[in-house]
Amino acid sequence: AGQVLGLLGANGAGKTTTLRLCYGFLQPDAGVIRIAGIDRRSNPESASRQVGVCTQDDTFDTDFTVRDNLEQVGRYFRPRPLALKAKVSALLEQFGLDRYADAKPDTLSGGYRRRLMLARALVHEPQLLFLDEPTSGLDPQARLEVWELVDTLRREGLGIVLTTHYMDEAERLSDELLVLSEGRT
């Protein structure tokens, strides 16, 4: 809680694969993955409830507004987050998305789309956030804004696992750092 674990490595080093294993998109061939002490294989729903995921690619629904994207994600979780509409309004404000609440995500700039992805990963109030190359493809200003959001989330006590291939980003954001090469540290 309140720390950022950085996974640094070149493209193909295994950063994204590691995250996909941890958040349940892929199943391990061997071993055990525990999220907040919960065995992912034996109790996948409970483990998933503990994590928020912000993938490299935008995965929001372009048919919904920014607000609707956040509300819809909140409806996926059981039990549903308490006071979902209030939580969504708070996230819109926290991430500077309130003025775009009724806009479609594909009309947003890259930096604001990334903010939406981050907010979406937090709707259900996870204990751990997986950020997979969160600033890839962003301009320098948007990149700094994402860094500031990560710092804020850390100060609020969220645990974060961040993948990046940018050394300056890893140095700036990570409390601890693992360097991956061919899937190994």
Foldseek 3Di string as FASTA:
>chain_A
DLFEEEEAEDPPLCPVVVVCCQLPVDPDPDDFHAAVNHTCVVDVLVNNLQEFEQAPDQDFDQVAFLLVSLLVLQVVHVVGAPPLSVLSCVLCVLLVNNVRRRPGLVVDDPLVSLSSSVSSSCSSPHQEYEAEASCPPHDPVSSVSVLVVLNVVSVVRHYYYYYHNDPVSCVSGHPHYDYGGNRHD
